[in-house]
PDB file of all heavy atoms in Angstrom:
ATOM      1  N   GLU A   1       0.827  -1.194   0.009  1.00  0.00           N
ATOM      2  CA  GLU A   1       0.017  -0.027   0.013  1.00  0.00           C
ATOM      3  C   GLU A   1       0.838   1.241  -0.003  1.00  0.00           C
ATOM      4  O   GLU A   1       2.023   1.235   0.484  1.00  0.00           O
ATOM      5  CB  GLU A   1      -0.939   0.061   1.235  1.00  0.00           C
ATOM      6  CG  GLU A   1      -1.977  -1.043   1.314  1.00  0.00           C
ATOM      7  CD  GLU A   1      -2.963  -0.882   2.429  1.00  0.00           C
ATOM      8  OE1 GLU A   1      -2.767   0.050   3.296  1.00  0.00           O
ATOM      9  OE2 GLU A   1      -3.907  -1.646   2.521  1.00  0.00           O
ATOM     10  N   VAL A   2       0.289   2.373  -0.553  1.00  0.00           N
ATOM     11  CA  VAL A   2       0.931   3.641  -0.384  1.00  0.00           C
ATOM     12  C   VAL A   2      -0.213   4.643  -0.323  1.00  0.00           C
ATOM     13  O   VAL A   2      -1.189   4.666  -1.042  1.00  0.00           O
ATOM     14  CB  VAL A   2       1.863   3.948  -1.651  1.00  0.00           C
ATOM     15  CG1 VAL A   2       1.104   3.855  -2.903  1.00  0.00           C
ATOM     16  CG2 VAL A   2       2.482   5.280  -1.515  1.00  0.00           C
ATOM     17  N   ASP A   3      -0.041   5.592   0.642  1.00  0.00           N
ATOM     18  CA  ASP A   3      -0.958   6.673   0.856  1.00  0.00           C
ATOM     19  C   ASP A   3      -0.602   7.907   0.006  1.00  0.00           C
ATOM     20  O   ASP A   3       0.676   8.265  -0.058  1.00  0.00           O
ATOM     21  CB  ASP A   3      -1.023   7.066   2.323  1.00  0.00           C
ATOM     22  CG  ASP A   3      -1.579   5.944   3.148  1.00  0.00           C
ATOM     23  OD1 ASP A   3      -2.401   5.155   2.744  1.00  0.00           O
ATOM     24  OD2 ASP A   3      -1.095   5.874   4.377  1.00  0.00           O
ATOM     25  N   VAL A   4      -1.496   8.556  -0.574  1.00  0.00           N
ATOM     26  CA  VAL A   4      -1.196   9.750  -1.354  1.00  0.00           C
ATOM     27  C   VAL A   4      -2.227  10.846  -0.985  1.00  0.00           C
ATOM     28  O   VAL A   4      -3.354  10.512  -0.583  1.00  0.00           O
ATOM     29  CB  VAL A   4      -1.196   9.555  -2.828  1.00  0.00           C
ATOM     30  CG1 VAL A   4      -0.140   8.500  -3.319  1.00  0.00           C
ATOM     31  CG2 VAL A   4      -2.562   9.123  -3.361  1.00  0.00           C
ATOM     32  N   THR A   5      -1.816  12.069  -1.218  1.00  0.00           N
ATOM     33  CA  THR A   5      -2.711  13.209  -0.942  1.00  0.00           C
ATOM     34  C   THR A   5      -2.919  13.980  -2.254  1.00  0.00           C
ATOM     35  O   THR A   5      -1.982  14.347  -2.990  1.00  0.00           O
ATOM     36  CB  THR A   5      -2.075  14.195   0.085  1.00  0.00           C
ATOM     37  OG1 THR A   5      -1.853  13.492   1.265  1.00  0.00           O
ATOM     38  CG2 THR A   5      -3.059  15.343   0.365  1.00  0.00           C
ATOM     39  N   VAL A   6      -4.166  14.270  -2.592  1.00  0.00           N
ATOM     40  CA  VAL A   6      -4.531  15.020  -3.788  1.00  0.00           C
ATOM     41  C   VAL A   6      -4.220  16.485  -3.530  1.00  0.00           C
ATOM     42  O   VAL A   6      -4.284  17.012  -2.465  1.00  0.00           O
ATOM     43  CB  VAL A   6      -5.986  14.924  -4.100  1.00  0.00           C
ATOM     44  CG1 VAL A   6      -6.324  15.621  -5.415  1.00  0.00           C
ATOM     45  CG2 VAL A   6      -6.403  13.481  -4.138  1.00  0.00           C
ATOM     46  N   ALA A   7      -3.677  17.129  -4.615  1.00  0.00           N
ATOM     47  CA  ALA A   7      -3.339  18.587  -4.490  1.00  0.00           C
ATOM     48  C   ALA A   7      -4.556  19.342  -4.064  1.00  0.00           C
ATOM     49  O   ALA A   7      -5.706  19.080  -4.587  1.00  0.00           O
ATOM     50  CB  ALA A   7      -2.817  19.026  -5.805  1.00  0.00           C
ATOM     51  N   ALA A   8      -4.459  20.352  -3.179  1.00  0.00           N
ATOM     52  CA  ALA A   8      -5.554  21.136  -2.703  1.00  0.00           C
ATOM     53  C   ALA A   8      -6.172  21.944  -3.748  1.00  0.00           C
ATOM     54  O   ALA A   8      -7.363  22.266  -3.726  1.00  0.00           O
ATOM     55  CB  ALA A   8      -5.069  22.029  -1.598  1.00  0.00           C
ATOM     56  N   ASP A   9      -5.407  22.214  -4.842  1.00  0.00           N
ATOM     57  CA  ASP A   9      -5.983  23.035  -5.972  1.00  0.00           C
ATOM     58  C   ASP A   9      -6.299  22.213  -7.211  1.00  0.00           C
ATOM     59  O   ASP A   9      -6.506  22.776  -8.272  1.00  0.00           O
ATOM     60  CB  ASP A   9      -5.004  24.144  -6.385  1.00  0.00           C
ATOM     61  CG  ASP A   9      -3.684  23.598  -6.830  1.00  0.00           C
ATOM     62  OD1 ASP A   9      -3.445  22.364  -6.694  1.00  0.00           O
ATOM     63  OD2 ASP A   9      -2.838  24.396  -7.294  1.00  0.00           O
ATOM     64  N   ALA A  10      -6.420  20.829  -7.023  1.00  0.00           N
ATOM     65  CA  ALA A  10      -6.819  20.025  -8.115  1.00  0.00           C
ATOM     66  C   ALA A  10      -8.234  20.378  -8.641  1.00  0.00           C
ATOM     67  O   ALA A  10      -9.147  20.518  -7.862  1.00  0.00           O
ATOM     68  CB  ALA A  10      -6.776  18.569  -7.720  1.00  0.00           C
ATOM     69  N   ALA A  11      -8.311  20.486  -9.862  1.00  0.00           N
ATOM     70  CA  ALA A  11      -9.545  20.901 -10.515  1.00  0.00           C
ATOM     71  C   ALA A  11     -10.548  19.800 -10.612  1.00  0.00           C
ATOM     72  O   ALA A  11     -10.129  18.626 -10.857  1.00  0.00           O
ATOM     73  CB  ALA A  11      -9.304  21.494 -11.940  1.00  0.00           C
ATOM     74  N   ASP A  12     -11.828  20.044 -10.501  1.00  0.00           N
ATOM     75  CA  ASP A  12     -12.859  19.051 -10.727  1.00  0.00           C
ATOM     76  C   ASP A  12     -12.737  18.440 -12.112  1.00  0.00           C
ATOM     77  O   ASP A  12     -12.496  19.206 -13.072  1.00  0.00           O
ATOM     78  CB  ASP A  12     -14.251  19.630 -10.479  1.00  0.00           C
ATOM     79  CG  ASP A  12     -14.612  19.871  -9.014  1.00  0.00           C
ATOM     80  OD1 ASP A  12     -13.805  19.474  -8.186  1.00  0.00           O
ATOM     81  OD2 ASP A  12     -15.693  20.413  -8.731  1.00  0.00           O
ATOM     82  N   GLY A  13     -12.928  17.194 -12.181  1.00  0.00           N
ATOM     83  CA  GLY A  13     -12.813  16.519 -13.517  1.00  0.00           C
ATOM     84  C   GLY A  13     -11.445  15.981 -13.907  1.00  0.00           C
ATOM     85  O   GLY A  13     -11.297  15.290 -14.845  1.00  0.00           O
ATOM     86  N   THR A  14     -10.467  16.397 -12.960  1.00  0.00           N
ATOM     87  CA  THR A  14      -9.129  15.828 -13.232  1.00  0.00           C
ATOM     88  C   THR A  14      -9.089  14.325 -13.097  1.00  0.00           C
ATOM     89  O   THR A  14      -9.737  13.768 -12.116  1.00  0.00           O
ATOM     90  CB  THR A  14      -8.151  16.447 -12.273  1.00  0.00           C
ATOM     91  OG1 THR A  14      -8.118  17.878 -12.397  1.00  0.00           O
ATOM     92  CG2 THR A  14      -6.723  15.873 -12.407  1.00  0.00           C
ATOM     93  N   ILE A  15      -8.438  13.619 -14.019  1.00  0.00           N
ATOM     94  CA  ILE A  15      -8.310  12.194 -13.934  1.00  0.00           C
ATOM     95  C   ILE A  15      -6.958  11.838 -13.467  1.00  0.00           C
ATOM     96  O   ILE A  15      -5.964  12.148 -14.092  1.00  0.00           O
ATOM     97  CB  ILE A  15      -8.599  11.551 -15.338  1.00  0.00           C
ATOM     98  CG1 ILE A  15      -9.964  11.858 -15.861  1.00  0.00           C
ATOM     99  CG2 ILE A  15      -8.376  10.097 -15.367  1.00  0.00           C
ATOM    100  CD1 ILE A  15     -10.271  11.426 -17.230  1.00  0.00           C
ATOM    101  N   LEU A  16      -6.885  11.056 -12.355  1.00  0.00           N
ATOM    102  CA  LEU A  16      -5.636  10.624 -11.827  1.00  0.00           C
ATOM    103  C   LEU A  16      -5.457   9.186 -12.185  1.00  0.00           C
ATOM    104  O   LEU A  16      -6.202   8.315 -11.718  1.00  0.00           O
ATOM    105  CB  LEU A  16      -5.703  10.781 -10.225  1.00  0.00           C
ATOM    106  CG  LEU A  16      -6.068  12.164  -9.792  1.00  0.00           C
ATOM    107  CD1 LEU A  16      -6.134  12.100  -8.230  1.00  0.00           C
ATOM    108  CD2 LEU A  16      -4.940  13.200 -10.149  1.00  0.00           C
ATOM    109  N   SER A  17      -4.436   8.914 -13.003  1.00  0.00           N
ATOM    110  CA  SER A  17      -4.157   7.563 -13.521  1.00  0.00           C
ATOM    111  C   SER A  17      -2.921   6.957 -12.922  1.00  0.00           C
ATOM    112  O   SER A  17      -1.821   7.599 -12.939  1.00  0.00           O
ATOM    113  CB  SER A  17      -4.049   7.606 -15.063  1.00  0.00           C
ATOM    114  OG  SER A  17      -5.180   8.068 -15.665  1.00  0.00           O
ATOM    115  N   ALA A  18      -3.034   5.808 -12.424  1.00  0.00           N
ATOM    116  CA  ALA A  18      -1.870   5.074 -11.783  1.00  0.00           C
ATOM    117  C   ALA A  18      -1.700   3.705 -12.478  1.00  0.00           C
ATOM    118  O   ALA A  18      -2.652   3.071 -12.933  1.00  0.00           O
ATOM    119  CB  ALA A  18      -2.020   4.857 -10.294  1.00  0.00           C
ATOM    120  N   ARG A  19      -0.472   3.244 -12.495  1.00  0.00           N
ATOM    121  CA  ARG A  19      -0.194   1.903 -13.150  1.00  0.00           C
ATOM    122  C   ARG A  19       0.871   1.216 -12.302  1.00  0.00           C
ATOM    123  O   ARG A  19       1.863   1.837 -11.892  1.00  0.00           O
ATOM    124  CB  ARG A  19       0.404   2.112 -14.602  1.00  0.00           C
ATOM    125  CG  ARG A  19       0.806   0.837 -15.265  1.00  0.00           C
ATOM    126  CD  ARG A  19       1.363   1.195 -16.691  1.00  0.00           C
ATOM    127  NE  ARG A  19       2.013   0.018 -17.300  1.00  0.00           N
ATOM    128  CZ  ARG A  19       1.397  -0.899 -18.000  1.00  0.00           C
ATOM    129  NH1 ARG A  19       0.033  -0.801 -18.197  1.00  0.00           N
ATOM    130  NH2 ARG A  19       2.005  -1.921 -18.584  1.00  0.00           N
ATOM    131  N   VAL A  20       0.664  -0.104 -12.128  1.00  0.00           N
ATOM    132  CA  VAL A  20       1.668  -0.875 -11.430  1.00  0.00           C
ATOM    133  C   VAL A  20       2.146  -1.967 -12.349  1.00  0.00           C
ATOM    134  O   VAL A  20       1.363  -2.549 -13.070  1.00  0.00           O
ATOM    135  CB  VAL A  20       1.121  -1.420 -10.066  1.00  0.00           C
ATOM    136  CG1 VAL A  20      -0.058  -2.366 -10.284  1.00  0.00           C
ATOM    137  CG2 VAL A  20       2.202  -2.055  -9.268  1.00  0.00           C
ATOM    138  N   GLU A  21       3.496  -2.275 -12.362  1.00  0.00           N
ATOM    139  CA  GLU A  21       4.013  -3.311 -13.189  1.00  0.00           C
ATOM    140  C   GLU A  21       4.827  -4.219 -12.292  1.00  0.00           C
ATOM    141  O   GLU A  21       5.440  -3.810 -11.315  1.00  0.00           O
ATOM    142  CB  GLU A  21       4.986  -2.712 -14.254  1.00  0.00           C
ATOM    143  CG  GLU A  21       4.206  -1.866 -15.226  1.00  0.00           C
ATOM    144  CD  GLU A  21       5.118  -1.232 -16.253  1.00  0.00           C
ATOM    145  OE1 GLU A  21       6.368  -1.235 -15.990  1.00  0.00           O
ATOM    146  OE2 GLU A  21       4.709  -0.668 -17.249  1.00  0.00           O
ATOM    147  N   ALA A  22       4.918  -5.501 -12.681  1.00  0.00           N
ATOM    148  CA  ALA A  22       5.787  -6.480 -12.007  1.00  0.00           C
ATOM    149  C   ALA A  22       6.721  -7.107 -13.079  1.00  0.00           C
ATOM    150  O   ALA A  22       6.343  -7.450 -14.211  1.00  0.00           O
ATOM    151  CB  ALA A  22       4.935  -7.564 -11.340  1.00  0.00           C
ATOM    152  N   ARG A  23       8.026  -7.225 -12.658  1.00  0.00           N
ATOM    153  CA  ARG A  23       8.986  -7.851 -13.481  1.00  0.00           C
ATOM    154  C   ARG A  23       9.673  -8.891 -12.616  1.00  0.00           C
ATOM    155  O   ARG A  23      10.029  -8.662 -11.434  1.00  0.00           O
ATOM    156  CB  ARG A  23      10.047  -6.826 -14.006  1.00  0.00           C
ATOM    157  CG  ARG A  23       9.443  -5.921 -15.115  1.00  0.00           C
ATOM    158  CD  ARG A  23      10.592  -4.935 -15.553  1.00  0.00           C
ATOM    159  NE  ARG A  23      10.171  -4.195 -16.787  1.00  0.00           N
ATOM    160  CZ  ARG A  23       9.484  -3.099 -16.807  1.00  0.00           C
ATOM    161  NH1 ARG A  23       9.060  -2.650 -15.638  1.00  0.00           N
ATOM    162  NH2 ARG A  23       9.178  -2.524 -17.922  1.00  0.00           N
ATOM    163  N   LEU A  24       9.973 -10.004 -13.215  1.00  0.00           N
ATOM    164  CA  LEU A  24      10.735 -11.066 -12.517  1.00  0.00           C
ATOM    165  C   LEU A  24      12.189 -10.953 -12.692  1.00  0.00           C
ATOM    166  O   LEU A  24      12.682 -10.700 -13.885  1.00  0.00           O
ATOM    167  CB  LEU A  24      10.218 -12.438 -13.044  1.00  0.00           C
ATOM    168  CG  LEU A  24       8.772 -12.797 -12.784  1.00  0.00           C
ATOM    169  CD1 LEU A  24       8.449 -14.107 -13.423  1.00  0.00           C
ATOM    170  CD2 LEU A  24       8.468 -12.785 -11.308  1.00  0.00           C
ATOM    171  N   ALA A  25      12.929 -11.167 -11.626  1.00  0.00           N
ATOM    172  CA  ALA A  25      14.465 -11.214 -11.697  1.00  0.00           C
ATOM    173  C   ALA A  25      15.022 -10.009 -12.391  1.00  0.00           C
ATOM    174  O   ALA A  25      16.073 -10.144 -13.168  1.00  0.00           O
ATOM    175  CB  ALA A  25      14.899 -12.543 -12.324  1.00  0.00           C
ATOM    176  N   GLY A  26      14.398  -8.865 -12.301  1.00  0.00           N
ATOM    177  CA  GLY A  26      14.940  -7.629 -12.873  1.00  0.00           C
ATOM    178  C   GLY A  26      14.873  -7.629 -14.424  1.00  0.00           C
ATOM    179  O   GLY A  26      15.584  -6.850 -15.031  1.00  0.00           O
ATOM    180  N   GLY A  27      14.061  -8.443 -15.026  1.00  0.00           N
ATOM    181  CA  GLY A  27      14.019  -8.488 -16.502  1.00  0.00           C
ATOM    182  C   GLY A  27      13.414  -7.283 -17.069  1.00  0.00           C
ATOM    183  O   GLY A  27      12.744  -6.454 -16.383  1.00  0.00           O
TER     184      GLY A  27
END
């Protein structure tokens, strides 16, 4: 898990996109 805080001035309708990837043995 990781906690994040949205910017106080973030505009309505802003899309916050996150992506996680996994790699084996540093490939």
